[in-house]
Amino acid sequence: MTKIFETNKHYQSNLAYGSSTLKRIHLKSILHALESQYEENESMVRGGALHCTTLEPERFNLEYVMYPLGGPRRPSQKQIAAKNPSAETLSAIKFWKEFDLKHAGKSILTQADLDAVIGMKKALRNHKLANTILHGGEAEYSYYVTDPRTGLPLKCRPDYVKNGCLFDLKTTMDASPIGFARQVGNQAWHLQAAFYVDVYNMATGENVNEFYFIAVENKAPHAVMIHLADEILLAEGRKAYMKCLDQLKDFQDRGGDPKVPNSMNYFGYPMEVNTLTVPSHFLKSKFDVA
């Protein structure tokens, strides 16, 4: 059982199973989870930058760099591989090679990225409860344990820990009660909440049972709302992640090869016909928060 202060890139590179893998299994299949690779998209870059400038501001300049204003456009792979690239392309290749070497390991922010991050950070600062929560706690530690049921290596990285509670800072399209609840289901964030609570407790010997989402909208006016995962949500998340761990263990016990005969049927989608019904949130009105 280990607690480590490390960068997010080091955490992502560790081969222990985290909630991201389990969410992919829950939402898709083991084969989808194991085939996927960690890649930062625009939303993830902005979310990571918000986390860093809010929770670890001293690391911001170590992990992020602005897109060079006035610099040449980054050449495409086709341009780089061309037999006779133009002088302009050669100049751009040289520029970006030197830039990447100088800022190796850093994520690049555009001005639009930075404007969005500043807007979200200001909204969090102006939200009295969120601002109070995000001071005086412990940010971005990684925890590693061995699952006592399956023997699988597990990891979690809570955004913030304070007063015996775990907090997850989420950038989102919709922080409202109904909108955010839909995203919890669509993104399997209930699984993440339960998994983080349990792995953190195993690693520390504590008995934390409160998990909060601090949701901030990624577009103006960057509305903020704090959501507590109740016991029912955590129980459902716990059942979901445990089922995923059981599937992973079964996959490993069978040789762990996605190319074995019938693996697509067994570890991908089920062969049976699926019956669709109306999701419960379709029946709720926009203003029904019950």
C-alpha atoms as a PDB file:
ATOM      1  CA  MET A   1       0.000   0.000   0.000  1.00  0.00           C
ATOM      2  CA  THR A   2       1.715   3.131  -1.257  1.00  0.00           C
ATOM      3  CA  LYS A   3       1.126   6.875  -1.301  1.00  0.00           C
ATOM      4  CA  ILE A   4       3.228   8.814  -3.814  1.00  0.00           C
ATOM      5  CA  PHE A   5       3.548  12.422  -4.916  1.00  0.00           C
ATOM      6  CA  GLU A   6       4.185  12.282  -8.674  1.00  0.00           C
ATOM      7  CA  THR A   7       3.193  13.974 -11.902  1.00  0.00           C
ATOM      8  CA  ASN A   8       0.017  12.961 -13.681  1.00  0.00           C
ATOM      9  CA  LYS A   9       2.091  11.641 -16.600  1.00  0.00           C
ATOM     10  CA  HIS A  10       3.954   9.282 -14.255  1.00  0.00           C
ATOM     11  CA  TYR A  11       0.652   8.186 -12.761  1.00  0.00           C
ATOM     12  CA  GLN A  12      -0.855   7.503 -16.186  1.00  0.00           C
ATOM     13  CA  SER A  13       2.188   5.455 -17.205  1.00  0.00           C
ATOM     14  CA  ASN A  14       1.927   3.135 -14.192  1.00  0.00           C
ATOM     15  CA  LEU A  15       0.481  -0.235 -15.217  1.00  0.00           C
ATOM     16  CA  ALA A  16      -1.789  -0.638 -12.181  1.00  0.00           C
ATOM     17  CA  TYR A  17      -5.492  -0.524 -13.018  1.00  0.00           C
ATOM     18  CA  GLY A  18      -7.213   2.806 -12.420  1.00  0.00           C
ATOM     19  CA  SER A  19     -10.757   4.026 -12.779  1.00  0.00           C
ATOM     20  CA  SER A  20     -10.208   5.064 -16.415  1.00  0.00           C
ATOM     21  CA  THR A  21      -9.656   1.443 -17.474  1.00  0.00           C
ATOM     22  CA  LEU A  22     -12.580   0.218 -15.392  1.00  0.00           C
ATOM     23  CA  LYS A  23     -14.887   2.905 -16.802  1.00  0.00           C
ATOM     24  CA  ARG A  24     -14.033   1.812 -20.344  1.00  0.00           C
ATOM     25  CA  ILE A  25     -14.797  -1.808 -19.441  1.00  0.00           C
ATOM     26  CA  HIS A  26     -18.090  -0.750 -17.858  1.00  0.00           C
ATOM     27  CA  LEU A  27     -19.136   1.456 -20.773  1.00  0.00           C
ATOM     28  CA  LYS A  28     -17.745  -0.691 -23.621  1.00  0.00           C
ATOM     29  CA  SER A  29     -15.769  -3.903 -23.012  1.00  0.00           C
ATOM     30  CA  ILE A  30     -12.430  -5.301 -21.872  1.00  0.00           C
ATOM     31  CA  LEU A  31     -11.190  -5.330 -25.452  1.00  0.00           C
ATOM     32  CA  HIS A  32     -12.016  -1.648 -25.870  1.00  0.00           C
ATOM     33  CA  ALA A  33     -10.292  -0.813 -22.582  1.00  0.00           C
ATOM     34  CA  LEU A  34      -7.109  -2.716 -23.367  1.00  0.00           C
ATOM     35  CA  GLU A  35      -6.867  -1.388 -26.930  1.00  0.00           C
ATOM     36  CA  SER A  36      -7.231   2.249 -25.881  1.00  0.00           C
ATOM     37  CA  GLN A  37      -4.243   4.482 -25.264  1.00  0.00           C
ATOM     38  CA  TYR A  38      -4.006   7.582 -23.109  1.00  0.00           C
ATOM     39  CA  GLU A  39      -4.186  10.616 -25.373  1.00  0.00           C
ATOM     40  CA  GLU A  40      -4.898  14.194 -24.348  1.00  0.00           C
ATOM     41  CA  ASN A  41      -7.660  15.957 -26.265  1.00  0.00           C
ATOM     42  CA  GLU A  42      -8.560  19.633 -25.983  1.00  0.00           C
ATOM     43  CA  SER A  43     -10.994  19.051 -23.128  1.00  0.00           C
ATOM     44  CA  MET A  44      -8.438  17.003 -21.180  1.00  0.00           C
ATOM     45  CA  VAL A  45      -5.707  19.608 -21.711  1.00  0.00           C
ATOM     46  CA  ARG A  46      -7.963  22.363 -20.399  1.00  0.00           C
ATOM     47  CA  GLY A  47      -9.171  20.222 -17.508  1.00  0.00           C
ATOM     48  CA  GLY A  48      -5.612  19.279 -16.590  1.00  0.00           C
ATOM     49  CA  ALA A  49      -4.486  22.899 -16.771  1.00  0.00           C
ATOM     50  CA  LEU A  50      -7.366  23.946 -14.499  1.00  0.00           C
ATOM     51  CA  HIS A  51      -6.435  21.217 -12.015  1.00  0.00           C
ATOM     52  CA  CYS A  52      -2.812  22.300 -12.058  1.00  0.00           C
ATOM     53  CA  THR A  53      -3.346  26.059 -11.714  1.00  0.00           C
ATOM     54  CA  THR A  54      -6.018  25.542  -9.017  1.00  0.00           C
ATOM     55  CA  LEU A  55      -4.537  22.693  -6.979  1.00  0.00           C
ATOM     56  CA  GLU A  56      -0.801  22.836  -7.789  1.00  0.00           C
ATOM     57  CA  PRO A  57      -0.105  26.371  -9.079  1.00  0.00           C
ATOM     58  CA  GLU A  58       3.609  26.030  -8.345  1.00  0.00           C
ATOM     59  CA  ARG A  59       3.826  23.289 -11.014  1.00  0.00           C
ATOM     60  CA  PHE A  60       1.955  25.116 -13.765  1.00  0.00           C
ATOM     61  CA  ASN A  61       5.018  26.477 -15.605  1.00  0.00           C
ATOM     62  CA  LEU A  62       6.712  23.089 -15.284  1.00  0.00           C
ATOM     63  CA  GLU A  63       3.882  21.248 -17.018  1.00  0.00           C
ATOM     64  CA  TYR A  64       2.376  23.757 -19.465  1.00  0.00           C
ATOM     65  CA  VAL A  65       3.655  26.118 -22.138  1.00  0.00           C
ATOM     66  CA  MET A  66       1.841  28.584 -24.370  1.00  0.00           C
ATOM     67  CA  TYR A  67       1.549  27.957 -28.091  1.00  0.00           C
ATOM     68  CA  PRO A  68       4.198  30.224 -29.645  1.00  0.00           C
ATOM     69  CA  LEU A  69       2.570  33.358 -31.003  1.00  0.00           C
ATOM     70  CA  GLY A  70       3.851  34.210 -34.456  1.00  0.00           C
ATOM     71  CA  GLY A  71       5.476  30.808 -34.875  1.00  0.00           C
ATOM     72  CA  PRO A  72       4.944  28.708 -38.005  1.00  0.00           C
ATOM     73  CA  ARG A  73       2.159  26.160 -38.210  1.00  0.00           C
ATOM     74  CA  ARG A  74       3.266  22.717 -37.048  1.00  0.00           C
ATOM     75  CA  PRO A  75       4.043  20.617 -40.151  1.00  0.00           C
ATOM     76  CA  SER A  76       1.905  17.561 -40.806  1.00  0.00           C
ATOM     77  CA  GLN A  77       3.410  14.077 -40.941  1.00  0.00           C
ATOM     78  CA  LYS A  78       2.911  14.154 -44.706  1.00  0.00           C
ATOM     79  CA  GLN A  79       4.947  17.362 -44.971  1.00  0.00           C
ATOM     80  CA  ILE A  80       7.690  15.967 -42.736  1.00  0.00           C
ATOM     81  CA  ALA A  81       7.925  12.775 -44.795  1.00  0.00           C
ATOM     82  CA  ALA A  82       7.953  14.578 -48.164  1.00  0.00           C
ATOM     83  CA  LYS A  83      10.932  13.794 -50.412  1.00  0.00           C
ATOM     84  CA  ASN A  84      11.532  17.413 -51.318  1.00  0.00           C
ATOM     85  CA  PRO A  85      10.003  19.636 -48.631  1.00  0.00           C
ATOM     86  CA  SER A  86       9.865  23.346 -49.299  1.00  0.00           C
ATOM     87  CA  ALA A  87      12.195  25.790 -47.553  1.00  0.00           C
ATOM     88  CA  GLU A  88       9.184  26.986 -45.544  1.00  0.00           C
ATOM     89  CA  THR A  89       8.447  23.448 -44.376  1.00  0.00           C
ATOM     90  CA  LEU A  90      12.088  22.827 -43.472  1.00  0.00           C
ATOM     91  CA  SER A  91      12.115  26.026 -41.429  1.00  0.00           C
ATOM     92  CA  ALA A  92       8.904  24.985 -39.648  1.00  0.00           C
ATOM     93  CA  ILE A  93      10.303  21.507 -38.937  1.00  0.00           C
ATOM     94  CA  LYS A  94      13.423  23.051 -37.406  1.00  0.00           C
ATOM     95  CA  PHE A  95      11.361  25.509 -35.344  1.00  0.00           C
ATOM     96  CA  TRP A  96       9.088  22.843 -33.871  1.00  0.00           C
ATOM     97  CA  LYS A  97      11.898  20.380 -33.272  1.00  0.00           C
ATOM     98  CA  GLU A  98      13.713  22.982 -31.177  1.00  0.00           C
ATOM     99  CA  PHE A  99      10.477  24.023 -29.443  1.00  0.00           C
ATOM    100  CA  ASP A 100       9.557  20.427 -28.526  1.00  0.00           C
ATOM    101  CA  LEU A 101      13.085  19.737 -27.293  1.00  0.00           C
ATOM    102  CA  LYS A 102      13.070  22.844 -25.096  1.00  0.00           C
ATOM    103  CA  HIS A 103       9.615  22.095 -23.663  1.00  0.00           C
ATOM    104  CA  ALA A 104       9.752  18.294 -23.615  1.00  0.00           C
ATOM    105  CA  GLY A 105       7.001  16.723 -21.524  1.00  0.00           C
ATOM    106  CA  LYS A 106       4.890  19.873 -21.351  1.00  0.00           C
ATOM    107  CA  SER A 107       1.344  20.263 -22.659  1.00  0.00           C
ATOM    108  CA  ILE A 108       0.806  23.130 -25.091  1.00  0.00           C
ATOM    109  CA  LEU A 109      -1.965  25.661 -24.423  1.00  0.00           C
ATOM    110  CA  THR A 110      -3.489  27.924 -27.029  1.00  0.00           C
ATOM    111  CA  GLN A 111      -4.751  31.381 -26.079  1.00  0.00           C
ATOM    112  CA  ALA A 112      -8.310  29.999 -26.233  1.00  0.00           C
ATOM    113  CA  ASP A 113      -7.284  27.230 -23.816  1.00  0.00           C
ATOM    114  CA  LEU A 114      -5.772  29.738 -21.397  1.00  0.00           C
ATOM    115  CA  ASP A 115      -8.800  32.044 -21.582  1.00  0.00           C
ATOM    116  CA  ALA A 116     -11.118  29.131 -20.738  1.00  0.00           C
ATOM    117  CA  VAL A 117      -8.906  28.004 -17.841  1.00  0.00           C
ATOM    118  CA  ILE A 118      -8.739  31.533 -16.422  1.00  0.00           C
ATOM    119  CA  GLY A 119     -12.526  31.847 -16.686  1.00  0.00           C
ATOM    120  CA  MET A 120     -13.113  28.546 -14.872  1.00  0.00           C
ATOM    121  CA  LYS A 121     -10.575  29.347 -12.163  1.00  0.00           C
ATOM    122  CA  LYS A 122     -12.194  32.741 -11.557  1.00  0.00           C
ATOM    123  CA  ALA A 123     -15.612  31.072 -11.274  1.00  0.00           C
ATOM    124  CA  LEU A 124     -14.276  28.617  -8.690  1.00  0.00           C
ATOM    125  CA  ARG A 125     -12.679  31.450  -6.734  1.00  0.00           C
ATOM    126  CA  ASN A 126     -15.949  33.416  -6.745  1.00  0.00           C
ATOM    127  CA  HIS A 127     -17.948  30.404  -5.506  1.00  0.00           C
ATOM    128  CA  LYS A 128     -17.638  30.772  -1.727  1.00  0.00           C
ATOM    129  CA  LEU A 129     -18.045  27.098  -0.831  1.00  0.00           C
ATOM    130  CA  ALA A 130     -15.831  25.779  -3.628  1.00  0.00           C
ATOM    131  CA  ASN A 131     -13.167  28.357  -2.810  1.00  0.00           C
ATOM    132  CA  THR A 132     -13.253  27.376   0.870  1.00  0.00           C
ATOM    133  CA  ILE A 133     -13.018  23.669   0.079  1.00  0.00           C
ATOM    134  CA  LEU A 134     -10.057  24.080  -2.262  1.00  0.00           C
ATOM    135  CA  HIS A 135      -7.781  25.557   0.399  1.00  0.00           C
ATOM    136  CA  GLY A 136      -6.028  23.761   3.232  1.00  0.00           C
ATOM    137  CA  GLY A 137      -6.299  20.226   1.884  1.00  0.00           C
ATOM    138  CA  GLU A 138      -4.036  17.754   0.095  1.00  0.00           C
ATOM    139  CA  ALA A 139      -3.910  17.724  -3.694  1.00  0.00           C
ATOM    140  CA  GLU A 140      -2.977  15.174  -6.343  1.00  0.00           C
ATOM    141  CA  TYR A 141      -1.352  12.299  -4.447  1.00  0.00           C
ATOM    142  CA  SER A 142      -1.341   8.847  -6.028  1.00  0.00           C
ATOM    143  CA  TYR A 143      -2.325   5.731  -4.078  1.00  0.00           C
ATOM    144  CA  TYR A 144      -1.438   2.154  -5.000  1.00  0.00           C
ATOM    145  CA  VAL A 145      -2.829  -1.060  -3.497  1.00  0.00           C
ATOM    146  CA  THR A 146      -3.368  -4.724  -4.312  1.00  0.00           C
ATOM    147  CA  ASP A 147      -7.027  -5.682  -4.549  1.00  0.00           C
ATOM    148  CA  PRO A 148      -7.681  -8.289  -1.826  1.00  0.00           C
ATOM    149  CA  ARG A 149     -10.402 -10.015  -3.881  1.00  0.00           C
ATOM    150  CA  THR A 150      -8.660 -10.416  -7.238  1.00  0.00           C
ATOM    151  CA  GLY A 151      -4.994  -9.744  -6.497  1.00  0.00           C
ATOM    152  CA  LEU A 152      -4.929  -7.091  -9.221  1.00  0.00           C
ATOM    153  CA  PRO A 153      -2.787  -3.946  -8.766  1.00  0.00           C
ATOM    154  CA  LEU A 154      -4.982  -0.850  -8.374  1.00  0.00           C
ATOM    155  CA  LYS A 155      -4.343   2.888  -8.322  1.00  0.00           C
ATOM    156  CA  CYS A 156      -6.250   6.098  -7.714  1.00  0.00           C
ATOM    157  CA  ARG A 157      -5.382   9.789  -7.706  1.00  0.00           C
ATOM    158  CA  PRO A 158      -7.949  11.930  -5.858  1.00  0.00           C
ATOM    159  CA  ASP A 159      -7.912  15.552  -6.915  1.00  0.00           C
ATOM    160  CA  TYR A 160      -8.284  16.798  -3.360  1.00  0.00           C
ATOM    161  CA  VAL A 161      -8.556  15.362   0.139  1.00  0.00           C
ATOM    162  CA  LYS A 162      -9.760  17.446   3.059  1.00  0.00           C
ATOM    163  CA  ASN A 163     -11.422  16.777   6.419  1.00  0.00           C
ATOM    164  CA  GLY A 164     -11.950  13.097   5.672  1.00  0.00           C
ATOM    165  CA  CYS A 165     -13.641  13.745   2.314  1.00  0.00           C
ATOM    166  CA  LEU A 166     -12.577  13.199  -1.296  1.00  0.00           C
ATOM    167  CA  PHE A 167     -13.197  15.886  -3.902  1.00  0.00           C
ATOM    168  CA  ASP A 168     -13.104  15.573  -7.681  1.00  0.00           C
ATOM    169  CA  LEU A 169     -12.817  18.733  -9.776  1.00  0.00           C
ATOM    170  CA  LYS A 170     -14.774  18.187 -12.998  1.00  0.00           C
ATOM    171  CA  THR A 171     -14.918  20.430 -16.037  1.00  0.00           C
ATOM    172  CA  THR A 172     -18.250  19.763 -17.703  1.00  0.00           C
ATOM    173  CA  MET A 173     -20.717  21.004 -20.289  1.00  0.00           C
ATOM    174  CA  ASP A 174     -23.547  21.090 -17.744  1.00  0.00           C
ATOM    175  CA  ALA A 175     -23.113  21.386 -13.981  1.00  0.00           C
ATOM    176  CA  SER A 176     -26.860  21.493 -13.238  1.00  0.00           C
ATOM    177  CA  PRO A 177     -28.474  18.696 -11.168  1.00  0.00           C
ATOM    178  CA  ILE A 178     -30.142  16.972 -14.130  1.00  0.00           C
ATOM    179  CA  GLY A 179     -27.379  17.666 -16.638  1.00  0.00           C
ATOM    180  CA  PHE A 180     -24.582  16.514 -14.372  1.00  0.00           C
ATOM    181  CA  ALA A 181     -26.515  13.418 -13.267  1.00  0.00           C
ATOM    182  CA  ARG A 182     -26.794  12.408 -16.919  1.00  0.00           C
ATOM    183  CA  GLN A 183     -23.056  12.779 -17.363  1.00  0.00           C
ATOM    184  CA  VAL A 184     -22.406  10.686 -14.251  1.00  0.00           C
ATOM    185  CA  GLY A 185     -24.204   7.834 -15.984  1.00  0.00           C
ATOM    186  CA  ASN A 186     -22.779   8.525 -19.447  1.00  0.00           C
ATOM    187  CA  GLN A 187     -19.188   8.746 -18.161  1.00  0.00           C
ATOM    188  CA  ALA A 188     -19.465   6.157 -15.340  1.00  0.00           C
ATOM    189  CA  TRP A 189     -18.389   8.717 -12.751  1.00  0.00           C
ATOM    190  CA  HIS A 190     -20.315   6.773 -10.079  1.00  0.00           C
ATOM    191  CA  LEU A 191     -17.834   3.936 -10.665  1.00  0.00           C
ATOM    192  CA  GLN A 192     -14.935   6.343 -10.268  1.00  0.00           C
ATOM    193  CA  ALA A 193     -16.344   7.754  -7.024  1.00  0.00           C
ATOM    194  CA  ALA A 194     -16.771   4.355  -5.369  1.00  0.00           C
ATOM    195  CA  PHE A 195     -13.422   3.085  -6.665  1.00  0.00           C
ATOM    196  CA  TYR A 196     -11.569   6.139  -5.344  1.00  0.00           C
ATOM    197  CA  VAL A 197     -13.217   5.884  -1.931  1.00  0.00           C
ATOM    198  CA  ASP A 198     -12.361   2.192  -1.597  1.00  0.00           C
ATOM    199  CA  VAL A 199      -8.794   2.347  -2.940  1.00  0.00           C
ATOM    200  CA  TYR A 200      -8.021   5.414  -0.828  1.00  0.00           C
ATOM    201  CA  ASN A 201      -9.358   3.661   2.282  1.00  0.00           C
ATOM    202  CA  MET A 202      -7.358   0.510   1.539  1.00  0.00           C
ATOM    203  CA  ALA A 203      -4.184   2.538   1.037  1.00  0.00           C
ATOM    204  CA  THR A 204      -4.551   4.751   4.112  1.00  0.00           C
ATOM    205  CA  GLY A 205      -6.503   2.630   6.575  1.00  0.00           C
ATOM    206  CA  GLU A 206      -9.039   5.452   6.879  1.00  0.00           C
ATOM    207  CA  ASN A 207     -12.808   5.171   6.586  1.00  0.00           C
ATOM    208  CA  VAL A 208     -13.716   7.928   4.146  1.00  0.00           C
ATOM    209  CA  ASN A 209     -17.267   7.644   2.827  1.00  0.00           C
ATOM    210  CA  GLU A 210     -17.972  11.078   1.343  1.00  0.00           C
ATOM    211  CA  PHE A 211     -17.130  11.872  -2.271  1.00  0.00           C
ATOM    212  CA  TYR A 212     -17.943  15.251  -3.804  1.00  0.00           C
ATOM    213  CA  PHE A 213     -17.859  16.441  -7.405  1.00  0.00           C
ATOM    214  CA  ILE A 214     -16.956  20.121  -7.794  1.00  0.00           C
ATOM    215  CA  ALA A 215     -18.394  20.749 -11.253  1.00  0.00           C
ATOM    216  CA  VAL A 216     -17.497  23.843 -13.276  1.00  0.00           C
ATOM    217  CA  GLU A 217     -18.871  24.460 -16.749  1.00  0.00           C
ATOM    218  CA  ASN A 218     -16.220  24.734 -19.444  1.00  0.00           C
ATOM    219  CA  LYS A 219     -17.991  27.547 -21.281  1.00  0.00           C
ATOM    220  CA  ALA A 220     -19.045  30.990 -20.052  1.00  0.00           C
ATOM    221  CA  PRO A 221     -20.527  31.857 -17.641  1.00  0.00           C
ATOM    222  CA  HIS A 222     -18.628  28.866 -16.114  1.00  0.00           C
ATOM    223  CA  ALA A 223     -21.352  28.059 -13.585  1.00  0.00           C
ATOM    224  CA  VAL A 224     -20.239  26.008 -10.570  1.00  0.00           C
ATOM    225  CA  MET A 225     -22.168  23.412  -8.574  1.00  0.00           C
ATOM    226  CA  ILE A 226     -21.065  20.910  -5.940  1.00  0.00           C
ATOM    227  CA  HIS A 227     -22.588  17.426  -5.944  1.00  0.00           C
ATOM    228  CA  LEU A 228     -22.349  14.794  -3.175  1.00  0.00           C
ATOM    229  CA  ALA A 229     -22.396  11.149  -4.246  1.00  0.00           C
ATOM    230  CA  ASP A 230     -24.969   9.526  -1.977  1.00  0.00           C
ATOM    231  CA  GLU A 231     -24.827   5.998  -0.558  1.00  0.00           C
ATOM    232  CA  ILE A 232     -26.958   4.552  -3.349  1.00  0.00           C
ATOM    233  CA  LEU A 233     -24.747   6.057  -6.060  1.00  0.00           C
ATOM    234  CA  LEU A 234     -21.602   4.756  -4.333  1.00  0.00           C
ATOM    235  CA  ALA A 235     -23.165   1.303  -3.904  1.00  0.00           C
ATOM    236  CA  GLU A 236     -24.025   1.144  -7.607  1.00  0.00           C
ATOM    237  CA  GLY A 237     -20.548   2.369  -8.508  1.00  0.00           C
ATOM    238  CA  ARG A 238     -19.018  -0.256  -6.239  1.00  0.00           C
ATOM    239  CA  LYS A 239     -20.979  -3.073  -7.879  1.00  0.00           C
ATOM    240  CA  ALA A 240     -19.939  -1.763 -11.290  1.00  0.00           C
ATOM    241  CA  TYR A 241     -16.200  -1.552 -10.608  1.00  0.00           C
ATOM    242  CA  MET A 242     -16.104  -4.910  -8.832  1.00  0.00           C
ATOM    243  CA  LYS A 243     -17.764  -6.549 -11.825  1.00  0.00           C
ATOM    244  CA  CYS A 244     -15.133  -4.957 -14.076  1.00  0.00           C
ATOM    245  CA  LEU A 245     -12.313  -6.235 -11.851  1.00  0.00           C
ATOM    246  CA  ASP A 246     -13.821  -9.734 -11.981  1.00  0.00           C
ATOM    247  CA  GLN A 247     -13.883  -9.543 -15.777  1.00  0.00           C
ATOM    248  CA  LEU A 248     -10.253  -8.405 -15.829  1.00  0.00           C
ATOM    249  CA  LYS A 249      -9.229 -11.279 -13.550  1.00  0.00           C
ATOM    250  CA  ASP A 250     -11.114 -13.752 -15.742  1.00  0.00           C
ATOM    251  CA  PHE A 251      -9.396 -12.295 -18.807  1.00  0.00           C
ATOM    252  CA  GLN A 252      -5.978 -12.754 -17.209  1.00  0.00           C
ATOM    253  CA  ASP A 253      -6.802 -16.287 -16.010  1.00  0.00           C
ATOM    254  CA  ARG A 254      -7.714 -17.224 -19.582  1.00  0.00           C
ATOM    255  CA  GLY A 255      -4.342 -16.103 -20.862  1.00  0.00           C
ATOM    256  CA  GLY A 256      -4.932 -12.410 -21.334  1.00  0.00           C
ATOM    257  CA  ASP A 257      -4.837 -12.602 -25.135  1.00  0.00           C
ATOM    258  CA  PRO A 258      -7.543 -10.581 -26.941  1.00  0.00           C
ATOM    259  CA  LYS A 259      -6.835 -12.596 -30.108  1.00  0.00           C
ATOM    260  CA  VAL A 260      -7.804 -16.008 -28.694  1.00  0.00           C
ATOM    261  CA  PRO A 261     -10.753 -17.740 -30.438  1.00  0.00           C
ATOM    262  CA  ASN A 262     -14.150 -16.293 -29.482  1.00  0.00           C
ATOM    263  CA  SER A 263     -12.514 -13.566 -27.399  1.00  0.00           C
ATOM    264  CA  MET A 264     -14.549 -10.914 -29.230  1.00  0.00           C
ATOM    265  CA  ASN A 265     -17.720 -12.722 -28.203  1.00  0.00           C
ATOM    266  CA  TYR A 266     -16.581 -13.369 -24.657  1.00  0.00           C
ATOM    267  CA  PHE A 267     -14.663 -10.174 -23.842  1.00  0.00           C
ATOM    268  CA  GLY A 268     -16.396  -7.805 -26.267  1.00  0.00           C
ATOM    269  CA  TYR A 269     -20.128  -7.201 -26.609  1.00  0.00           C
ATOM    270  CA  PRO A 270     -22.532 -10.050 -25.765  1.00  0.00           C
ATOM    271  CA  MET A 271     -23.951 -12.142 -28.610  1.00  0.00           C
ATOM    272  CA  GLU A 272     -27.544 -11.886 -27.366  1.00  0.00           C
ATOM    273  CA  VAL A 273     -30.035  -9.367 -28.737  1.00  0.00           C
ATOM    274  CA  ASN A 274     -30.283  -6.284 -26.529  1.00  0.00           C
ATOM    275  CA  THR A 275     -33.706  -4.841 -25.677  1.00  0.00           C
ATOM    276  CA  LEU A 276     -33.823  -1.056 -25.452  1.00  0.00           C
ATOM    277  CA  THR A 277     -36.067   0.846 -23.064  1.00  0.00           C
ATOM    278  CA  VAL A 278     -36.538   4.499 -22.192  1.00  0.00           C
ATOM    279  CA  PRO A 279     -33.804   5.799 -19.826  1.00  0.00           C
ATOM    280  CA  SER A 280     -35.275   7.252 -16.658  1.00  0.00           C
ATOM    281  CA  HIS A 281     -33.783  10.700 -17.244  1.00  0.00           C
ATOM    282  CA  PHE A 282     -35.783  10.976 -20.495  1.00  0.00           C
ATOM    283  CA  LEU A 283     -38.915  11.080 -18.368  1.00  0.00           C
ATOM    284  CA  LYS A 284     -37.718  13.972 -16.170  1.00  0.00           C
ATOM    285  CA  SER A 285     -38.436  17.559 -17.033  1.00  0.00           C
ATOM    286  CA  LYS A 286     -35.645  20.120 -17.181  1.00  0.00           C
ATOM    287  CA  PHE A 287     -36.640  21.512 -13.799  1.00  0.00           C
ATOM    288  CA  ASP A 288     -37.401  18.236 -12.025  1.00  0.00           C
ATOM    289  CA  VAL A 289     -34.393  17.663  -9.740  1.00  0.00           C
ATOM    290  CA  ALA A 290     -35.930  14.946  -7.583  1.00  0.00           C
END
